Amino acid sequence: MSIVEIEVKDLKAILGGGGKLIDVREVDEYTAGHIPSAINIPLSAISADFESFRSEADVYIVCRSGGRSMQACEFLVDRDIVNVVNVAGGTLAWQASGNEVNLGEQP
C-alpha cells in the first residue's frame, strides 16, 4: 500500500478544520519550533505507542523534512493503521512557506 502525502500549502486548511497532526521529531527538535497544534510523539516512541494513532479521521504525520514522518507512516501502515498521511517537506517546508511555528512543549 502506498502512503498518502499532503503538501504544507494544503495542511493549513486541514488544521483549521481540526485535523490531528503528530510531530515525530525528538523532543528537543519539537520544542525548538513546531507547527501549531502538533502533538509530539517521537519516532523512537512510536513502536510502544502506535495504538494512539488509530482514528476514524486522517492523522497527519510531520517531521523536519519528510523522511522520518514517512518512516512513521510506513511503520503504522504495516500495523494496519491506514489513515496516516505524510506531510511532504515537513516543518522546513512549513516555515519556508511563511508559516509560524510554536516554541516549547505546548502544541
N, C-alpha and C. Protein backbone atom coordinates (compact mmCIF):
# COMPACT_ATOMS: atom_id res chain seq x y z
N MET A 1 0.85 -1.18 0.00
CA MET A 1 0.00 0.00 0.00
C MET A 1 0.89 1.25 0.00
N SER A 2 0.56 2.19 -0.86
CA SER A 2 1.36 3.41 -0.90
C SER A 2 0.87 4.39 0.17
N ILE A 3 1.78 5.25 0.58
CA ILE A 3 1.50 6.23 1.62
C ILE A 3 0.95 7.50 0.97
N VAL A 4 -0.13 8.01 1.50
CA VAL A 4 -0.71 9.26 1.04
C VAL A 4 0.15 10.41 1.56
N GLU A 5 0.38 11.42 0.71
CA GLU A 5 1.14 12.61 1.13
C GLU A 5 0.31 13.86 0.88
N ILE A 6 0.62 14.89 1.65
CA ILE A 6 -0.02 16.18 1.50
C ILE A 6 1.06 17.26 1.51
N GLU A 7 0.84 18.32 0.77
CA GLU A 7 1.76 19.45 0.76
C GLU A 7 1.41 20.39 1.91
N VAL A 8 2.39 21.14 2.41
CA VAL A 8 2.12 22.05 3.53
C VAL A 8 1.11 23.12 3.16
N LYS A 9 1.03 23.49 1.89
CA LYS A 9 0.06 24.52 1.49
C LYS A 9 -1.37 24.04 1.74
N ASP A 10 -1.60 22.74 1.71
CA ASP A 10 -2.93 22.19 1.96
C ASP A 10 -3.15 21.86 3.44
N LEU A 11 -2.07 21.75 4.19
CA LEU A 11 -2.17 21.37 5.60
C LEU A 11 -2.84 22.44 6.45
N LYS A 12 -2.56 23.69 6.17
CA LYS A 12 -3.09 24.78 6.99
C LYS A 12 -4.62 24.74 7.08
N ALA A 13 -5.28 24.53 5.97
CA ALA A 13 -6.75 24.46 5.96
C ALA A 13 -7.25 23.25 6.74
N ILE A 14 -6.54 22.15 6.61
CA ILE A 14 -6.93 20.93 7.32
C ILE A 14 -6.82 21.14 8.83
N LEU A 15 -5.73 21.76 9.25
CA LEU A 15 -5.55 22.01 10.68
C LEU A 15 -6.59 22.99 11.20
N GLY A 16 -6.96 23.96 10.38
CA GLY A 16 -8.01 24.90 10.77
C GLY A 16 -9.34 24.21 10.98
N GLY A 17 -9.54 23.09 10.34
CA GLY A 17 -10.76 22.31 10.49
C GLY A 17 -10.68 21.27 11.59
N GLY A 18 -9.58 21.27 12.36
CA GLY A 18 -9.45 20.35 13.48
C GLY A 18 -8.69 19.08 13.19
N GLY A 19 -7.96 19.02 12.09
CA GLY A 19 -7.17 17.83 11.77
C GLY A 19 -6.12 17.53 12.83
N LYS A 20 -5.82 16.25 13.01
CA LYS A 20 -4.84 15.80 14.02
C LYS A 20 -3.46 15.72 13.38
N LEU A 21 -2.48 16.41 13.98
CA LEU A 21 -1.11 16.45 13.48
C LEU A 21 -0.16 15.92 14.54
N ILE A 22 0.66 14.93 14.16
CA ILE A 22 1.66 14.34 15.05
C ILE A 22 3.04 14.68 14.51
N ASP A 23 3.89 15.24 15.35
CA ASP A 23 5.28 15.57 15.02
C ASP A 23 6.15 14.46 15.58
N VAL A 24 6.89 13.75 14.72
CA VAL A 24 7.66 12.58 15.16
C VAL A 24 9.14 12.90 15.41
N ARG A 25 9.48 14.19 15.46
CA ARG A 25 10.86 14.54 15.79
C ARG A 25 11.11 14.34 17.28
N GLU A 26 12.39 14.32 17.65
CA GLU A 26 12.74 14.19 19.06
C GLU A 26 12.30 15.45 19.81
N VAL A 27 12.17 15.33 21.12
CA VAL A 27 11.62 16.39 21.96
C VAL A 27 12.37 17.71 21.79
N ASP A 28 13.70 17.67 21.74
CA ASP A 28 14.47 18.91 21.62
C ASP A 28 14.20 19.61 20.29
N GLU A 29 14.00 18.85 19.23
CA GLU A 29 13.67 19.44 17.93
C GLU A 29 12.28 20.06 17.96
N TYR A 30 11.35 19.34 18.57
CA TYR A 30 9.97 19.81 18.68
C TYR A 30 9.90 21.12 19.46
N THR A 31 10.56 21.18 20.60
CA THR A 31 10.49 22.38 21.44
C THR A 31 11.19 23.57 20.79
N ALA A 32 12.11 23.32 19.87
CA ALA A 32 12.81 24.41 19.18
C ALA A 32 11.93 25.08 18.13
N GLY A 33 10.81 24.45 17.78
CA GLY A 33 9.87 25.04 16.83
C GLY A 33 9.07 23.99 16.11
N HIS A 34 7.75 24.04 16.29
CA HIS A 34 6.85 23.06 15.67
C HIS A 34 5.60 23.74 15.12
N ILE A 35 4.94 23.06 14.22
CA ILE A 35 3.70 23.56 13.64
C ILE A 35 2.65 23.65 14.74
N PRO A 36 1.96 24.79 14.84
CA PRO A 36 0.92 24.93 15.87
C PRO A 36 -0.09 23.79 15.81
N SER A 37 -0.46 23.29 16.94
CA SER A 37 -1.40 22.19 17.19
C SER A 37 -0.75 20.81 17.07
N ALA A 38 0.50 20.73 16.65
CA ALA A 38 1.17 19.42 16.53
C ALA A 38 1.44 18.82 17.91
N ILE A 39 1.16 17.55 18.03
CA ILE A 39 1.44 16.78 19.24
C ILE A 39 2.72 16.01 19.00
N ASN A 40 3.60 15.98 19.99
CA ASN A 40 4.89 15.32 19.82
C ASN A 40 4.85 13.87 20.30
N ILE A 41 5.10 12.96 19.37
CA ILE A 41 5.34 11.54 19.68
C ILE A 41 6.57 11.17 18.86
N PRO A 42 7.76 11.18 19.49
CA PRO A 42 8.99 10.90 18.73
C PRO A 42 8.95 9.55 18.01
N LEU A 43 9.59 9.51 16.86
CA LEU A 43 9.67 8.28 16.08
C LEU A 43 10.17 7.12 16.94
N SER A 44 11.11 7.40 17.83
CA SER A 44 11.68 6.36 18.69
C SER A 44 10.65 5.79 19.67
N ALA A 45 9.52 6.47 19.87
CA ALA A 45 8.50 6.01 20.81
C ALA A 45 7.27 5.41 20.13
N ILE A 46 7.21 5.49 18.83
CA ILE A 46 6.00 5.04 18.12
C ILE A 46 5.73 3.56 18.31
N SER A 47 6.76 2.74 18.34
CA SER A 47 6.51 1.30 18.45
C SER A 47 5.80 0.95 19.76
N ALA A 48 6.02 1.74 20.80
CA ALA A 48 5.37 1.49 22.08
C ALA A 48 4.01 2.18 22.17
N ASP A 49 3.72 3.10 21.25
CA ASP A 49 2.51 3.92 21.36
C ASP A 49 1.71 3.96 20.06
N PHE A 50 1.88 2.97 19.19
CA PHE A 50 1.24 3.07 17.87
C PHE A 50 -0.27 2.97 17.92
N GLU A 51 -0.85 2.39 18.95
CA GLU A 51 -2.31 2.29 19.04
C GLU A 51 -2.95 3.68 19.16
N SER A 52 -2.21 4.67 19.67
CA SER A 52 -2.77 6.02 19.81
C SER A 52 -2.98 6.69 18.45
N PHE A 53 -2.45 6.10 17.38
CA PHE A 53 -2.63 6.64 16.04
C PHE A 53 -3.93 6.16 15.39
N ARG A 54 -4.58 5.17 16.01
CA ARG A 54 -5.84 4.68 15.43
C ARG A 54 -6.90 5.77 15.59
N SER A 55 -7.56 6.05 14.51
CA SER A 55 -8.55 7.12 14.49
C SER A 55 -9.45 6.91 13.29
N GLU A 56 -10.67 7.40 13.38
CA GLU A 56 -11.55 7.33 12.21
C GLU A 56 -11.17 8.39 11.19
N ALA A 57 -10.61 9.49 11.67
CA ALA A 57 -10.19 10.58 10.78
C ALA A 57 -8.72 10.39 10.40
N ASP A 58 -8.30 11.07 9.35
CA ASP A 58 -6.89 11.01 8.96
C ASP A 58 -6.01 11.61 10.04
N VAL A 59 -4.82 11.05 10.18
CA VAL A 59 -3.81 11.56 11.11
C VAL A 59 -2.63 12.00 10.26
N TYR A 60 -2.23 13.25 10.39
CA TYR A 60 -1.16 13.83 9.60
C TYR A 60 0.14 13.71 10.39
N ILE A 61 1.19 13.22 9.73
CA ILE A 61 2.47 12.96 10.38
C ILE A 61 3.51 13.88 9.76
N VAL A 62 4.27 14.58 10.64
CA VAL A 62 5.27 15.54 10.18
C VAL A 62 6.57 15.34 10.93
N CYS A 63 7.67 15.73 10.30
CA CYS A 63 8.98 15.75 10.94
C CYS A 63 9.70 17.00 10.45
N ARG A 64 11.00 16.95 10.33
CA ARG A 64 11.76 18.11 9.87
C ARG A 64 11.58 18.33 8.37
N SER A 65 11.80 17.25 7.58
CA SER A 65 11.75 17.42 6.12
C SER A 65 10.93 16.35 5.39
N GLY A 66 10.41 15.39 6.08
CA GLY A 66 9.55 14.38 5.47
C GLY A 66 10.05 12.96 5.52
N GLY A 67 11.32 12.75 5.86
CA GLY A 67 11.89 11.40 5.89
C GLY A 67 11.41 10.56 7.06
N ARG A 68 11.55 11.09 8.26
CA ARG A 68 11.12 10.33 9.45
C ARG A 68 9.61 10.16 9.50
N SER A 69 8.89 11.17 9.03
CA SER A 69 7.43 11.04 9.02
C SER A 69 7.01 9.93 8.04
N MET A 70 7.71 9.80 6.94
CA MET A 70 7.41 8.70 6.01
C MET A 70 7.72 7.36 6.66
N GLN A 71 8.82 7.27 7.41
CA GLN A 71 9.14 6.03 8.13
C GLN A 71 8.03 5.69 9.12
N ALA A 72 7.54 6.72 9.82
CA ALA A 72 6.46 6.51 10.79
C ALA A 72 5.21 6.01 10.07
N CYS A 73 4.87 6.63 8.95
CA CYS A 73 3.70 6.21 8.19
C CYS A 73 3.83 4.75 7.74
N GLU A 74 4.99 4.39 7.23
CA GLU A 74 5.21 3.02 6.77
C GLU A 74 5.08 2.03 7.93
N PHE A 75 5.65 2.37 9.09
CA PHE A 75 5.54 1.52 10.27
C PHE A 75 4.08 1.32 10.65
N LEU A 76 3.32 2.41 10.65
CA LEU A 76 1.91 2.35 11.06
C LEU A 76 1.06 1.59 10.05
N VAL A 77 1.29 1.80 8.78
CA VAL A 77 0.55 1.08 7.75
C VAL A 77 0.83 -0.42 7.85
N ASP A 78 2.06 -0.78 8.18
CA ASP A 78 2.40 -2.20 8.37
C ASP A 78 1.63 -2.82 9.53
N ARG A 79 1.08 -1.97 10.41
CA ARG A 79 0.28 -2.44 11.55
C ARG A 79 -1.20 -2.15 11.34
N ASP A 80 -1.58 -2.04 10.09
CA ASP A 80 -2.98 -1.84 9.68
C ASP A 80 -3.60 -0.55 10.17
N ILE A 81 -2.78 0.48 10.36
CA ILE A 81 -3.27 1.82 10.65
C ILE A 81 -3.09 2.58 9.34
N VAL A 82 -4.15 2.64 8.56
CA VAL A 82 -4.04 3.11 7.18
C VAL A 82 -4.52 4.55 6.96
N ASN A 83 -4.92 5.21 8.02
CA ASN A 83 -5.44 6.57 7.89
C ASN A 83 -4.37 7.63 8.15
N VAL A 84 -3.09 7.28 7.92
CA VAL A 84 -2.00 8.22 8.15
C VAL A 84 -1.61 8.90 6.84
N VAL A 85 -1.23 10.17 6.96
CA VAL A 85 -0.87 10.99 5.80
C VAL A 85 0.47 11.67 6.10
N ASN A 86 1.44 11.49 5.22
CA ASN A 86 2.74 12.12 5.39
C ASN A 86 2.69 13.57 4.92
N VAL A 87 3.30 14.47 5.70
CA VAL A 87 3.39 15.88 5.32
C VAL A 87 4.71 16.06 4.56
N ALA A 88 4.61 16.17 3.25
CA ALA A 88 5.79 16.31 2.39
C ALA A 88 6.52 17.60 2.70
N GLY A 89 7.84 17.52 2.86
CA GLY A 89 8.65 18.70 3.12
C GLY A 89 8.74 19.07 4.59
N GLY A 90 7.84 18.56 5.40
CA GLY A 90 7.90 18.72 6.84
C GLY A 90 7.85 20.15 7.35
N THR A 91 8.40 20.30 8.55
CA THR A 91 8.40 21.60 9.23
C THR A 91 9.23 22.62 8.46
N LEU A 92 10.28 22.18 7.79
CA LEU A 92 11.08 23.11 6.99
C LEU A 92 10.25 23.74 5.88
N ALA A 93 9.45 22.94 5.19
CA ALA A 93 8.59 23.47 4.13
C ALA A 93 7.51 24.38 4.71
N TRP A 94 7.00 24.02 5.88
CA TRP A 94 6.01 24.86 6.57
C TRP A 94 6.57 26.26 6.80
N GLN A 95 7.79 26.31 7.36
CA GLN A 95 8.43 27.60 7.63
C GLN A 95 8.80 28.32 6.33
N ALA A 96 9.29 27.60 5.34
CA ALA A 96 9.67 28.21 4.07
C ALA A 96 8.47 28.84 3.36
N SER A 97 7.26 28.36 3.69
CA SER A 97 6.03 28.91 3.12
C SER A 97 5.55 30.14 3.89
N GLY A 98 6.33 30.57 4.88
CA GLY A 98 5.98 31.77 5.64
C GLY A 98 5.08 31.54 6.84
N ASN A 99 4.88 30.29 7.21
CA ASN A 99 4.05 29.98 8.37
C ASN A 99 4.87 30.02 9.65
N GLU A 100 4.22 30.40 10.73
CA GLU A 100 4.89 30.47 12.02
C GLU A 100 4.92 29.11 12.71
N VAL A 101 5.85 28.99 13.66
CA VAL A 101 5.94 27.80 14.48
C VAL A 101 5.80 28.19 15.95
N ASN A 102 5.38 27.24 16.76
CA ASN A 102 5.32 27.44 18.20
C ASN A 102 6.60 26.93 18.83
N LEU A 103 7.04 27.59 19.89
CA LEU A 103 8.21 27.16 20.64
C LEU A 103 7.75 26.51 21.94
N GLY A 104 8.55 25.60 22.47
CA GLY A 104 8.23 24.97 23.74
C GLY A 104 7.46 23.68 23.58
N GLU A 105 6.94 23.19 24.70
CA GLU A 105 6.31 21.88 24.72
C GLU A 105 4.83 21.88 24.39
N GLN A 106 4.17 23.01 24.45
CA GLN A 106 2.74 23.06 24.19
C GLN A 106 2.44 23.02 22.69
N PRO A 107 1.43 22.23 22.30
CA PRO A 107 1.06 22.16 20.89
C PRO A 107 0.65 23.54 20.39
